[in-house]
C-alpha atoms as a PDB file:
ATOM      1  CA  MET A   1       3.598   2.751  14.681  1.00  0.00           C
ATOM      2  CA  THR A   2       6.380   3.222  12.322  1.00  0.00           C
ATOM      3  CA  VAL A   3       6.248   4.332   8.533  1.00  0.00           C
ATOM      4  CA  PHE A   4       9.323   4.521   7.153  1.00  0.00           C
ATOM      5  CA  VAL A   5       9.059   5.969   3.628  1.00  0.00           C
ATOM      6  CA  ALA A   6      12.119   6.396   1.036  1.00  0.00           C
ATOM      7  CA  ASP A   7      11.401   8.270  -2.082  1.00  0.00           C
ATOM      8  CA  GLU A   8      13.810   7.028  -5.169  1.00  0.00           C
ATOM      9  CA  GLN A   9      12.281   8.610  -8.304  1.00  0.00           C
ATOM     10  CA  ASP A  10      11.547  12.203  -9.367  1.00  0.00           C
ATOM     11  CA  ALA A  11       7.942  13.134  -9.522  1.00  0.00           C
ATOM     12  CA  ASP A  12       6.471  15.820  -6.735  1.00  0.00           C
ATOM     13  CA  ILE A  13       4.280  13.750  -4.769  1.00  0.00           C
ATOM     14  CA  PRO A  14       2.680  14.290  -1.266  1.00  0.00           C
ATOM     15  CA  VAL A  15       5.460  12.244   0.850  1.00  0.00           C
ATOM     16  CA  ASP A  16       4.419  13.150   4.417  1.00  0.00           C
ATOM     17  CA  VAL A  17       0.504  12.608   3.566  1.00  0.00           C
ATOM     18  CA  LEU A  18       0.761   9.459   1.936  1.00  0.00           C
ATOM     19  CA  LYS A  19       3.130   8.472   5.325  1.00  0.00           C
ATOM     20  CA  GLU A  20       0.276   9.911   7.594  1.00  0.00           C
ATOM     21  CA  LEU A  21      -2.247   7.903   5.371  1.00  0.00           C
ATOM     22  CA  ALA A  22      -0.644   4.562   5.645  1.00  0.00           C
ATOM     23  CA  GLU A  23      -0.393   5.454   9.158  1.00  0.00           C
ATOM     24  CA  LEU A  24      -4.069   5.844   9.433  1.00  0.00           C
ATOM     25  CA  VAL A  25      -4.450   2.502   7.653  1.00  0.00           C
ATOM     26  CA  LEU A  26      -2.397   0.353  10.804  1.00  0.00           C
ATOM     27  CA  THR A  27      -4.536   2.787  13.032  1.00  0.00           C
ATOM     28  CA  HIS A  28      -7.840   2.040  11.182  1.00  0.00           C
ATOM     29  CA  GLU A  29      -7.324  -1.493  11.403  1.00  0.00           C
ATOM     30  CA  GLY A  30      -6.189  -1.871  14.930  1.00  0.00           C
ATOM     31  CA  TYR A  31      -2.689  -3.099  14.604  1.00  0.00           C
ATOM     32  CA  PRO A  32      -0.458  -2.511  17.366  1.00  0.00           C
ATOM     33  CA  SER A  33       1.418   0.780  18.672  1.00  0.00           C
ATOM     34  CA  ASP A  34       5.105  -1.688  17.822  1.00  0.00           C
ATOM     35  CA  THR A  35       3.992  -2.371  14.360  1.00  0.00           C
ATOM     36  CA  GLU A  36       6.262  -0.938  11.254  1.00  0.00           C
ATOM     37  CA  VAL A  37       6.020  -0.957   7.545  1.00  0.00           C
ATOM     38  CA  THR A  38       8.162   0.255   4.633  1.00  0.00           C
ATOM     39  CA  VAL A  39       7.177   2.452   2.124  1.00  0.00           C
ATOM     40  CA  LEU A  40       9.066   2.875  -0.850  1.00  0.00           C
ATOM     41  CA  PHE A  41       8.458   5.107  -4.011  1.00  0.00           C
ATOM     42  CA  VAL A  42      10.617   3.770  -7.333  1.00  0.00           C
ATOM     43  CA  ASP A  43      10.756   4.786 -10.834  1.00  0.00           C
ATOM     44  CA  ASP A  44       9.389   2.365 -13.578  1.00  0.00           C
ATOM     45  CA  GLU A  45      12.665   0.942 -14.195  1.00  0.00           C
ATOM     46  CA  SER A  46      12.964   0.095 -10.985  1.00  0.00           C
ATOM     47  CA  ILE A  47       9.599  -1.358 -10.021  1.00  0.00           C
ATOM     48  CA  ALA A  48      10.087  -3.159 -13.413  1.00  0.00           C
ATOM     49  CA  GLY A  49      13.048  -5.229 -12.041  1.00  0.00           C
ATOM     50  CA  TYR A  50      10.970  -5.696  -8.946  1.00  0.00           C
ATOM     51  CA  ASN A  51       7.955  -7.146 -10.998  1.00  0.00           C
ATOM     52  CA  GLU A  52      10.084  -9.478 -13.117  1.00  0.00           C
ATOM     53  CA  ARG A  53      12.455 -10.372  -9.807  1.00  0.00           C
ATOM     54  CA  PHE A  54       9.840 -11.743  -7.894  1.00  0.00           C
ATOM     55  CA  MET A  55       6.419 -11.730  -9.606  1.00  0.00           C
ATOM     56  CA  GLY A  56       7.593 -12.749 -12.790  1.00  0.00           C
ATOM     57  CA  ARG A  57       6.352 -10.235 -14.843  1.00  0.00           C
ATOM     58  CA  GLU A  58       7.255  -7.953 -17.493  1.00  0.00           C
ATOM     59  CA  GLY A  59       7.103  -4.439 -17.295  1.00  0.00           C
ATOM     60  CA  PRO A  60       6.201  -1.580 -14.536  1.00  0.00           C
ATOM     61  CA  THR A  61       2.973  -2.225 -12.269  1.00  0.00           C
ATOM     62  CA  ASP A  62       1.636   0.373  -9.818  1.00  0.00           C
ATOM     63  CA  VAL A  63       2.398  -1.262  -6.653  1.00  0.00           C
ATOM     64  CA  LEU A  64       3.740  -4.512  -5.277  1.00  0.00           C
ATOM     65  CA  ALA A  65       3.552  -5.554  -1.603  1.00  0.00           C
ATOM     66  CA  PHE A  66       5.804  -8.141   0.051  1.00  0.00           C
ATOM     67  CA  PRO A  67       4.591  -8.798   3.479  1.00  0.00           C
ATOM     68  CA  LEU A  68       6.881 -10.701   5.852  1.00  0.00           C
ATOM     69  CA  GLU A  69       4.101 -12.022   8.069  1.00  0.00           C
ATOM     70  CA  GLU A  70       1.126 -14.619   7.283  1.00  0.00           C
ATOM     71  CA  LEU A  71      -1.661 -12.471   8.756  1.00  0.00           C
ATOM     72  CA  ARG A  72      -5.578 -13.109   7.751  1.00  0.00           C
ATOM     73  CA  ALA A  73      -7.676 -10.215   6.795  1.00  0.00           C
ATOM     74  CA  GLY A  74      -9.186  -8.023   9.211  1.00  0.00           C
ATOM     75  CA  VAL A  75      -7.897  -9.904  12.160  1.00  0.00           C
ATOM     76  CA  ALA A  76      -4.976  -7.407  13.326  1.00  0.00           C
ATOM     77  CA  PRO A  77      -2.598  -9.307  15.752  1.00  0.00           C
ATOM     78  CA  SER A  78      -1.969  -8.270  19.530  1.00  0.00           C
ATOM     79  CA  PRO A  79       0.901  -6.627  20.758  1.00  0.00           C
ATOM     80  CA  ARG A  80       3.640  -8.249  21.101  1.00  0.00           C
ATOM     81  CA  GLY A  81       4.800  -7.159  24.035  1.00  0.00           C
ATOM     82  CA  SER A  82       8.578  -7.681  24.182  1.00  0.00           C
ATOM     83  CA  GLY A  83      11.151  -8.585  21.888  1.00  0.00           C
ATOM     84  CA  PRO A  84      11.284  -6.891  18.104  1.00  0.00           C
ATOM     85  CA  PRO A  85       8.608  -4.857  16.677  1.00  0.00           C
ATOM     86  CA  LEU A  86       6.365  -6.302  14.078  1.00  0.00           C
ATOM     87  CA  HIS A  87       7.643  -5.198  10.709  1.00  0.00           C
ATOM     88  CA  LEU A  88       4.793  -6.513   8.358  1.00  0.00           C
ATOM     89  CA  GLY A  89       6.896  -5.996   5.381  1.00  0.00           C
ATOM     90  CA  ASP A  90       7.494  -3.690   2.093  1.00  0.00           C
ATOM     91  CA  VAL A  91       5.288  -1.382  -0.663  1.00  0.00           C
ATOM     92  CA  ILE A  92       6.667  -0.773  -3.049  1.00  0.00           C
ATOM     93  CA  ILE A  93       4.914   2.352  -5.921  1.00  0.00           C
ATOM     94  CA  ALA A  94       5.940   3.278  -8.811  1.00  0.00           C
ATOM     95  CA  PRO A  95       4.142   7.044  -9.017  1.00  0.00           C
ATOM     96  CA  ASP A  96       4.663   7.695 -12.602  1.00  0.00           C
ATOM     97  CA  LYS A  97       3.045   4.456 -13.900  1.00  0.00           C
ATOM     98  CA  VAL A  98       0.368   5.340 -11.069  1.00  0.00           C
ATOM     99  CA  SER A  99       0.326   8.960 -12.993  1.00  0.00           C
ATOM    100  CA  ARG A 100      -0.109   7.030 -16.349  1.00  0.00           C
ATOM    101  CA  GLN A 101      -3.081   4.573 -14.943  1.00  0.00           C
ATOM    102  CA  ALA A 102      -4.906   7.765 -13.587  1.00  0.00           C
ATOM    103  CA  ALA A 103      -4.953   9.633 -16.422  1.00  0.00           C
ATOM    104  CA  GLU A 104      -6.525   6.781 -18.596  1.00  0.00           C
ATOM    105  CA  ARG A 105      -9.171   5.858 -15.784  1.00  0.00           C
ATOM    106  CA  GLU A 106      -9.923   9.405 -15.871  1.00  0.00           C
ATOM    107  CA  VAL A 107      -9.314  10.314 -12.293  1.00  0.00           C
ATOM    108  CA  ALA A 108      -7.217  12.535 -10.184  1.00  0.00           C
ATOM    109  CA  PHE A 109      -3.612  11.281  -9.604  1.00  0.00           C
ATOM    110  CA  GLU A 110      -3.967  11.838  -5.919  1.00  0.00           C
ATOM    111  CA  ASP A 111      -6.826   9.545  -5.615  1.00  0.00           C
ATOM    112  CA  GLU A 112      -4.897   6.622  -7.731  1.00  0.00           C
ATOM    113  CA  LEU A 113      -1.921   7.243  -5.555  1.00  0.00           C
ATOM    114  CA  SER A 114      -3.792   7.380  -2.396  1.00  0.00           C
ATOM    115  CA  LEU A 115      -5.516   3.949  -3.879  1.00  0.00           C
ATOM    116  CA  MET A 116      -2.544   2.328  -4.585  1.00  0.00           C
ATOM    117  CA  VAL A 117      -1.106   3.279  -0.225  1.00  0.00           C
ATOM    118  CA  VAL A 118      -4.109   1.790   0.953  1.00  0.00           C
ATOM    119  CA  HIS A 119      -4.055  -1.199  -1.732  1.00  0.00           C
ATOM    120  CA  GLY A 120      -0.658  -2.339  -0.660  1.00  0.00           C
ATOM    121  CA  MET A 121      -0.636  -1.821   3.109  1.00  0.00           C
ATOM    122  CA  LEU A 122      -4.191  -3.976   3.008  1.00  0.00           C
ATOM    123  CA  HIS A 123      -1.809  -6.835   0.764  1.00  0.00           C
ATOM    124  CA  LEU A 124       0.359  -6.682   4.135  1.00  0.00           C
ATOM    125  CA  MET A 125      -2.387  -7.156   5.987  1.00  0.00           C
ATOM    126  CA  GLY A 126      -3.547 -10.744   4.741  1.00  0.00           C
ATOM    127  CA  TRP A 127      -5.912  -8.761   2.169  1.00  0.00           C
ATOM    128  CA  ASP A 128      -5.957 -10.586  -1.285  1.00  0.00           C
ATOM    129  CA  HIS A 129      -8.227 -10.397  -4.110  1.00  0.00           C
ATOM    130  CA  PRO A 130      -8.085 -13.968  -5.732  1.00  0.00           C
ATOM    131  CA  ASP A 131     -11.832 -13.844  -7.044  1.00  0.00           C
ATOM    132  CA  ASP A 132     -14.973 -10.894  -7.130  1.00  0.00           C
ATOM    133  CA  ASP A 133     -16.098 -11.825  -3.854  1.00  0.00           C
ATOM    134  CA  LEU A 134     -13.147 -10.858  -2.258  1.00  0.00           C
ATOM    135  CA  ALA A 135     -11.811  -7.856  -4.595  1.00  0.00           C
ATOM    136  CA  GLU A 136     -15.231  -6.638  -3.620  1.00  0.00           C
ATOM    137  CA  ARG A 137     -14.761  -6.875   0.579  1.00  0.00           C
ATOM    138  CA  MET A 138     -11.430  -4.815  -0.024  1.00  0.00           C
ATOM    139  CA  GLU A 139     -12.604  -2.507  -2.612  1.00  0.00           C
ATOM    140  CA  ALA A 140     -15.027  -1.670   0.179  1.00  0.00           C
ATOM    141  CA  LYS A 141     -12.037  -2.059   2.849  1.00  0.00           C
ATOM    142  CA  GLU A 142     -10.507   0.672   0.492  1.00  0.00           C
ATOM    143  CA  ALA A 143     -13.120   3.435  -0.085  1.00  0.00           C
ATOM    144  CA  GLU A 144     -14.178   2.705   3.862  1.00  0.00           C
ATOM    145  CA  ILE A 145     -10.347   3.970   4.431  1.00  0.00           C
ATOM    146  CA  LEU A 146      -9.903   6.391   1.717  1.00  0.00           C
ATOM    147  CA  ALA A 147     -13.581   8.276   2.610  1.00  0.00           C
ATOM    148  CA  LYS A 148     -11.404   9.219   5.979  1.00  0.00           C
ATOM    149  CA  VAL A 149      -9.174  11.520   4.474  1.00  0.00           C
ATOM    150  CA  GLY A 150     -11.721  13.029   1.586  1.00  0.00           C
ATOM    151  CA  ARG A 151     -10.703  10.741  -1.002  1.00  0.00           C
ATOM    152  CA  THR A 152     -12.785   8.769  -3.266  1.00  0.00           C
ATOM    153  CA  ARG A 153     -11.706   5.113  -4.686  1.00  0.00           C
ATOM    154  CA  PRO A 154     -11.554   5.047  -8.354  1.00  0.00           C
END
């Protein structure tokens, strides 16, 4: 598995730990070893631009996920064998926005940031939360994965 990480912002974040967390999500969900993902950490201005351009929403947000594959939640694809690797897409996270959000929710920044990594990764894997039932299932999956690294789901 390959997780490409780019840190294009100024907040001090544990990039290596977050990369390992993204890899853990892939392993936990049974994804093939040739799976690739990109995780990008950006400032508020950059994520606000992505949010407006691709989601039609104004202002910064915590995490955006841009899947390249149409996958079913909880069903890992089979290894491709020969040919290009399976690239799931991109997760973009704004640590400054996540920090403010953690303070508002009165939770640890590290827990909130870890949640954003897991949340974005699950979106690439077909998980979504359009209604309460699916949101509860996704939240349970997030908590299960975060518990493996000693984090709680805020």
